[in-house]
Amino acid sequence: MTRMLAQGALINAAVAYDVIVQIERLAAAGHQDEAWQAFGNLAHFARSELPVVKGVVAAQQQAAEALDLTQRTLAPFFPRKAEEHPHAANDHPTNPVLPSPTVA
């Protein structure tokens, strides 16, 4: 559910950013009345969307804190394996190619 709310909040934020760009263009073109009207609509929209955004941020923060707590609590019981150093395929060949003997 939170994932759907987060996706919806991001979509709405993208729409709000587009409206901000349109407001800026209206103002730059000298259409102040239309820009103020669009700004008022945006403020009304943002006022209704803000509780959803705050809820999504709070849920994400709680999930991150729970994951952090879980990792710190269980870390002594599940030690991590050391990562092998990544090497390109040609750095350490397993079957080195020996030079062929010369024919004399």
N, C-alpha and C. Protein backbone atom coordinates (compact mmCIF):
# COMPACT_ATOMS: atom_id res chain seq x y z
N MET A 1 0.82 -1.19 0.00
CA MET A 1 0.00 0.00 0.00
C MET A 1 0.87 1.26 0.00
N THR A 2 1.91 1.25 0.85
CA THR A 2 2.79 2.41 0.92
C THR A 2 3.49 2.63 -0.41
N ARG A 3 3.84 1.54 -1.08
CA ARG A 3 4.52 1.66 -2.36
C ARG A 3 3.63 2.36 -3.38
N MET A 4 2.34 2.02 -3.37
CA MET A 4 1.41 2.67 -4.29
C MET A 4 1.23 4.14 -3.93
N LEU A 5 1.16 4.43 -2.62
CA LEU A 5 1.07 5.83 -2.19
C LEU A 5 2.32 6.60 -2.60
N ALA A 6 3.48 5.99 -2.44
CA ALA A 6 4.72 6.65 -2.82
C ALA A 6 4.75 6.92 -4.31
N GLN A 7 4.34 5.95 -5.10
CA GLN A 7 4.32 6.14 -6.55
C GLN A 7 3.34 7.25 -6.93
N GLY A 8 2.17 7.27 -6.31
CA GLY A 8 1.20 8.32 -6.58
C GLY A 8 1.73 9.69 -6.19
N ALA A 9 2.42 9.77 -5.05
CA ALA A 9 3.00 11.04 -4.61
C ALA A 9 4.06 11.53 -5.58
N LEU A 10 4.86 10.61 -6.10
CA LEU A 10 5.89 11.01 -7.08
C LEU A 10 5.26 11.48 -8.38
N ILE A 11 4.21 10.82 -8.81
CA ILE A 11 3.51 11.25 -10.03
C ILE A 11 2.92 12.63 -9.83
N ASN A 12 2.29 12.85 -8.67
CA ASN A 12 1.72 14.15 -8.39
C ASN A 12 2.79 15.23 -8.28
N ALA A 13 3.94 14.88 -7.73
CA ALA A 13 5.04 15.84 -7.65
C ALA A 13 5.51 16.22 -9.06
N ALA A 14 5.58 15.26 -9.96
CA ALA A 14 5.97 15.55 -11.34
C ALA A 14 4.97 16.50 -11.99
N VAL A 15 3.68 16.28 -11.74
CA VAL A 15 2.65 17.17 -12.28
C VAL A 15 2.82 18.57 -11.69
N ALA A 16 3.09 18.65 -10.39
CA ALA A 16 3.28 19.96 -9.75
C ALA A 16 4.48 20.68 -10.34
N TYR A 17 5.56 19.96 -10.61
CA TYR A 17 6.74 20.60 -11.22
C TYR A 17 6.41 21.12 -12.61
N ASP A 18 5.64 20.36 -13.36
CA ASP A 18 5.22 20.84 -14.69
C ASP A 18 4.40 22.12 -14.57
N VAL A 19 3.51 22.18 -13.60
CA VAL A 19 2.69 23.37 -13.40
C VAL A 19 3.58 24.56 -13.01
N ILE A 20 4.57 24.32 -12.19
CA ILE A 20 5.50 25.40 -11.80
C ILE A 20 6.20 25.96 -13.04
N VAL A 21 6.63 25.10 -13.93
CA VAL A 21 7.27 25.55 -15.16
C VAL A 21 6.28 26.36 -16.00
N GLN A 22 5.04 25.91 -16.08
CA GLN A 22 4.02 26.65 -16.83
C GLN A 22 3.75 28.01 -16.19
N ILE A 23 3.71 28.07 -14.88
CA ILE A 23 3.52 29.34 -14.19
C ILE A 23 4.66 30.31 -14.52
N GLU A 24 5.86 29.79 -14.50
CA GLU A 24 7.02 30.63 -14.80
C GLU A 24 6.94 31.16 -16.22
N ARG A 25 6.52 30.34 -17.15
CA ARG A 25 6.40 30.78 -18.56
C ARG A 25 5.30 31.83 -18.70
N LEU A 26 4.18 31.62 -18.01
CA LEU A 26 3.10 32.61 -18.06
C LEU A 26 3.58 33.95 -17.50
N ALA A 27 4.27 33.90 -16.38
CA ALA A 27 4.76 35.14 -15.78
C ALA A 27 5.78 35.83 -16.68
N ALA A 28 6.67 35.06 -17.29
CA ALA A 28 7.68 35.64 -18.17
C ALA A 28 7.06 36.25 -19.42
N ALA A 29 5.92 35.69 -19.86
CA ALA A 29 5.25 36.20 -21.05
C ALA A 29 4.33 37.38 -20.71
N GLY A 30 4.27 37.76 -19.44
CA GLY A 30 3.47 38.90 -19.06
C GLY A 30 2.03 38.58 -18.72
N HIS A 31 1.69 37.33 -18.57
CA HIS A 31 0.32 36.91 -18.23
C HIS A 31 0.22 36.71 -16.72
N GLN A 32 0.35 37.81 -15.98
CA GLN A 32 0.41 37.72 -14.51
C GLN A 32 -0.89 37.18 -13.92
N ASP A 33 -2.02 37.59 -14.42
CA ASP A 33 -3.30 37.12 -13.86
C ASP A 33 -3.44 35.61 -14.01
N GLU A 34 -3.09 35.09 -15.18
CA GLU A 34 -3.17 33.64 -15.40
C GLU A 34 -2.15 32.90 -14.54
N ALA A 35 -0.97 33.50 -14.38
CA ALA A 35 0.06 32.88 -13.55
C ALA A 35 -0.41 32.81 -12.10
N TRP A 36 -1.02 33.89 -11.59
CA TRP A 36 -1.53 33.88 -10.21
C TRP A 36 -2.64 32.86 -10.04
N GLN A 37 -3.49 32.73 -11.04
CA GLN A 37 -4.58 31.75 -10.97
C GLN A 37 -4.02 30.33 -10.92
N ALA A 38 -3.03 30.05 -11.78
CA ALA A 38 -2.40 28.73 -11.78
C ALA A 38 -1.67 28.48 -10.47
N PHE A 39 -1.04 29.53 -9.94
CA PHE A 39 -0.33 29.39 -8.66
C PHE A 39 -1.31 29.07 -7.54
N GLY A 40 -2.47 29.70 -7.55
CA GLY A 40 -3.49 29.41 -6.54
C GLY A 40 -3.98 27.97 -6.64
N ASN A 41 -4.18 27.50 -7.87
CA ASN A 41 -4.60 26.10 -8.07
C ASN A 41 -3.52 25.14 -7.56
N LEU A 42 -2.26 25.47 -7.85
CA LEU A 42 -1.16 24.63 -7.40
C LEU A 42 -1.09 24.60 -5.87
N ALA A 43 -1.27 25.75 -5.23
CA ALA A 43 -1.23 25.80 -3.76
C ALA A 43 -2.35 24.96 -3.16
N HIS A 44 -3.53 25.01 -3.75
CA HIS A 44 -4.66 24.21 -3.27
C HIS A 44 -4.36 22.71 -3.42
N PHE A 45 -3.81 22.35 -4.57
CA PHE A 45 -3.44 20.96 -4.84
C PHE A 45 -2.37 20.49 -3.84
N ALA A 46 -1.35 21.34 -3.63
CA ALA A 46 -0.24 20.96 -2.75
C ALA A 46 -0.73 20.83 -1.31
N ARG A 47 -1.64 21.68 -0.89
CA ARG A 47 -2.18 21.63 0.46
C ARG A 47 -2.88 20.29 0.72
N SER A 48 -3.58 19.79 -0.28
CA SER A 48 -4.27 18.50 -0.10
C SER A 48 -3.32 17.31 -0.23
N GLU A 49 -2.23 17.48 -0.94
CA GLU A 49 -1.28 16.38 -1.18
C GLU A 49 -0.24 16.27 -0.08
N LEU A 50 0.03 17.33 0.65
CA LEU A 50 1.10 17.35 1.65
C LEU A 50 0.95 16.28 2.72
N PRO A 51 -0.23 16.01 3.28
CA PRO A 51 -0.33 14.93 4.27
C PRO A 51 0.05 13.55 3.71
N VAL A 52 -0.26 13.31 2.45
CA VAL A 52 0.11 12.03 1.83
C VAL A 52 1.63 11.93 1.72
N VAL A 53 2.26 13.00 1.28
CA VAL A 53 3.72 12.99 1.14
C VAL A 53 4.38 12.79 2.50
N LYS A 54 3.88 13.48 3.51
CA LYS A 54 4.44 13.32 4.85
C LYS A 54 4.25 11.88 5.36
N GLY A 55 3.11 11.28 5.06
CA GLY A 55 2.87 9.89 5.45
C GLY A 55 3.81 8.92 4.76
N VAL A 56 4.05 9.14 3.47
CA VAL A 56 4.97 8.27 2.73
C VAL A 56 6.38 8.42 3.27
N VAL A 57 6.81 9.64 3.54
CA VAL A 57 8.15 9.86 4.08
C VAL A 57 8.28 9.20 5.45
N ALA A 58 7.27 9.33 6.30
CA ALA A 58 7.31 8.70 7.62
C ALA A 58 7.37 7.18 7.51
N ALA A 59 6.60 6.60 6.60
CA ALA A 59 6.62 5.14 6.42
C ALA A 59 7.98 4.67 5.92
N GLN A 60 8.56 5.41 5.00
CA GLN A 60 9.89 5.04 4.49
C GLN A 60 10.93 5.14 5.60
N GLN A 61 10.81 6.17 6.42
CA GLN A 61 11.76 6.34 7.51
C GLN A 61 11.62 5.22 8.54
N GLN A 62 10.39 4.83 8.86
CA GLN A 62 10.18 3.72 9.80
C GLN A 62 10.74 2.42 9.24
N ALA A 63 10.54 2.20 7.96
CA ALA A 63 11.07 0.97 7.34
C ALA A 63 12.60 0.96 7.39
N ALA A 64 13.21 2.10 7.13
CA ALA A 64 14.67 2.18 7.17
C ALA A 64 15.19 1.96 8.58
N GLU A 65 14.51 2.53 9.58
CA GLU A 65 14.93 2.34 10.97
C GLU A 65 14.76 0.88 11.39
N ALA A 66 13.68 0.24 10.98
CA ALA A 66 13.46 -1.17 11.32
C ALA A 66 14.53 -2.05 10.68
N LEU A 67 14.87 -1.77 9.44
CA LEU A 67 15.91 -2.55 8.76
C LEU A 67 17.25 -2.35 9.46
N ASP A 68 17.56 -1.11 9.82
CA ASP A 68 18.81 -0.83 10.52
C ASP A 68 18.87 -1.57 11.85
N LEU A 69 17.77 -1.52 12.60
CA LEU A 69 17.71 -2.21 13.89
C LEU A 69 17.87 -3.72 13.71
N THR A 70 17.21 -4.28 12.71
CA THR A 70 17.31 -5.71 12.45
C THR A 70 18.73 -6.11 12.09
N GLN A 71 19.36 -5.30 11.26
CA GLN A 71 20.73 -5.63 10.85
C GLN A 71 21.69 -5.53 12.02
N ARG A 72 21.50 -4.53 12.87
CA ARG A 72 22.39 -4.40 14.03
C ARG A 72 22.14 -5.51 15.04
N THR A 73 20.89 -5.91 15.22
CA THR A 73 20.55 -6.94 16.21
C THR A 73 21.00 -8.32 15.77
N LEU A 74 20.83 -8.64 14.50
CA LEU A 74 21.15 -9.98 14.01
C LEU A 74 22.57 -10.11 13.46
N ALA A 75 23.30 -9.02 13.35
CA ALA A 75 24.64 -9.06 12.75
C ALA A 75 25.58 -10.04 13.44
N PRO A 76 25.60 -10.12 14.77
CA PRO A 76 26.52 -11.07 15.41
C PRO A 76 26.23 -12.53 15.07
N PHE A 77 24.99 -12.84 14.71
CA PHE A 77 24.63 -14.23 14.44
C PHE A 77 24.82 -14.63 12.97
N PHE A 78 24.93 -13.64 12.11
CA PHE A 78 25.09 -13.90 10.68
C PHE A 78 26.28 -13.12 10.14
N PRO A 79 27.48 -13.62 10.40
CA PRO A 79 28.65 -12.89 9.91
C PRO A 79 28.69 -12.88 8.39
N ARG A 80 29.16 -11.79 7.87
CA ARG A 80 29.25 -11.67 6.41
C ARG A 80 30.52 -12.34 5.92
N LYS A 81 30.43 -12.95 4.74
CA LYS A 81 31.61 -13.53 4.11
C LYS A 81 32.39 -12.39 3.47
N ALA A 82 33.67 -12.53 3.51
CA ALA A 82 34.51 -11.53 2.86
C ALA A 82 34.33 -11.65 1.35
N GLU A 83 34.18 -10.52 0.72
CA GLU A 83 34.01 -10.51 -0.74
C GLU A 83 35.36 -10.79 -1.39
N GLU A 84 35.33 -11.62 -2.41
CA GLU A 84 36.55 -11.82 -3.19
C GLU A 84 36.81 -10.57 -4.00
N HIS A 85 38.06 -10.32 -4.22
CA HIS A 85 38.40 -9.14 -5.00
C HIS A 85 38.05 -9.40 -6.46
N PRO A 86 37.23 -8.55 -7.05
CA PRO A 86 36.88 -8.75 -8.46
C PRO A 86 38.06 -8.45 -9.36
N HIS A 87 38.28 -9.32 -10.30
CA HIS A 87 39.36 -9.14 -11.27
C HIS A 87 38.80 -9.37 -12.67
N ALA A 88 39.40 -8.70 -13.59
CA ALA A 88 39.03 -8.94 -14.98
C ALA A 88 39.43 -10.36 -15.34
N ALA A 89 38.82 -10.90 -16.36
CA ALA A 89 39.05 -12.30 -16.74
C ALA A 89 40.52 -12.57 -17.06
N ASN A 90 41.22 -11.61 -17.59
CA ASN A 90 42.60 -11.84 -18.01
C ASN A 90 43.62 -11.52 -16.93
N ASP A 91 43.21 -11.06 -15.77
CA ASP A 91 44.17 -10.70 -14.73
C ASP A 91 44.85 -11.93 -14.14
N HIS A 92 44.08 -12.96 -13.85
CA HIS A 92 44.63 -14.16 -13.24
C HIS A 92 44.11 -15.38 -13.97
N PRO A 93 44.72 -15.72 -15.07
CA PRO A 93 44.21 -16.89 -15.82
C PRO A 93 44.45 -18.17 -15.02
N THR A 94 43.47 -19.05 -15.06
CA THR A 94 43.60 -20.31 -14.34
C THR A 94 44.47 -21.30 -15.10
N ASN A 95 44.45 -21.24 -16.42
CA ASN A 95 45.29 -22.11 -17.25
C ASN A 95 46.18 -21.21 -18.10
N PRO A 96 47.37 -20.91 -17.59
CA PRO A 96 48.22 -20.01 -18.36
C PRO A 96 48.61 -20.65 -19.69
N VAL A 97 48.66 -19.85 -20.70
CA VAL A 97 49.04 -20.33 -22.03
C VAL A 97 50.56 -20.28 -22.10
N LEU A 98 51.16 -21.46 -22.26
CA LEU A 98 52.62 -21.52 -22.36
C LEU A 98 53.04 -21.34 -23.81
N PRO A 99 54.18 -20.71 -24.00
CA PRO A 99 54.65 -20.55 -25.37
C PRO A 99 54.96 -21.92 -25.98
N SER A 100 54.67 -22.06 -27.23
CA SER A 100 54.96 -23.34 -27.90
C SER A 100 56.46 -23.45 -28.13
N PRO A 101 56.93 -24.70 -28.06
CA PRO A 101 58.39 -24.89 -28.26
C PRO A 101 58.75 -24.53 -29.70
N THR A 102 59.93 -23.98 -29.84
CA THR A 102 60.38 -23.62 -31.19
C THR A 102 60.94 -24.84 -31.88
N VAL A 103 60.80 -24.87 -33.17
CA VAL A 103 61.32 -25.97 -33.96
C VAL A 103 62.65 -25.50 -34.55
N ALA A 104 63.71 -26.23 -34.21
CA ALA A 104 65.01 -25.79 -34.73
C ALA A 104 65.64 -26.84 -35.58
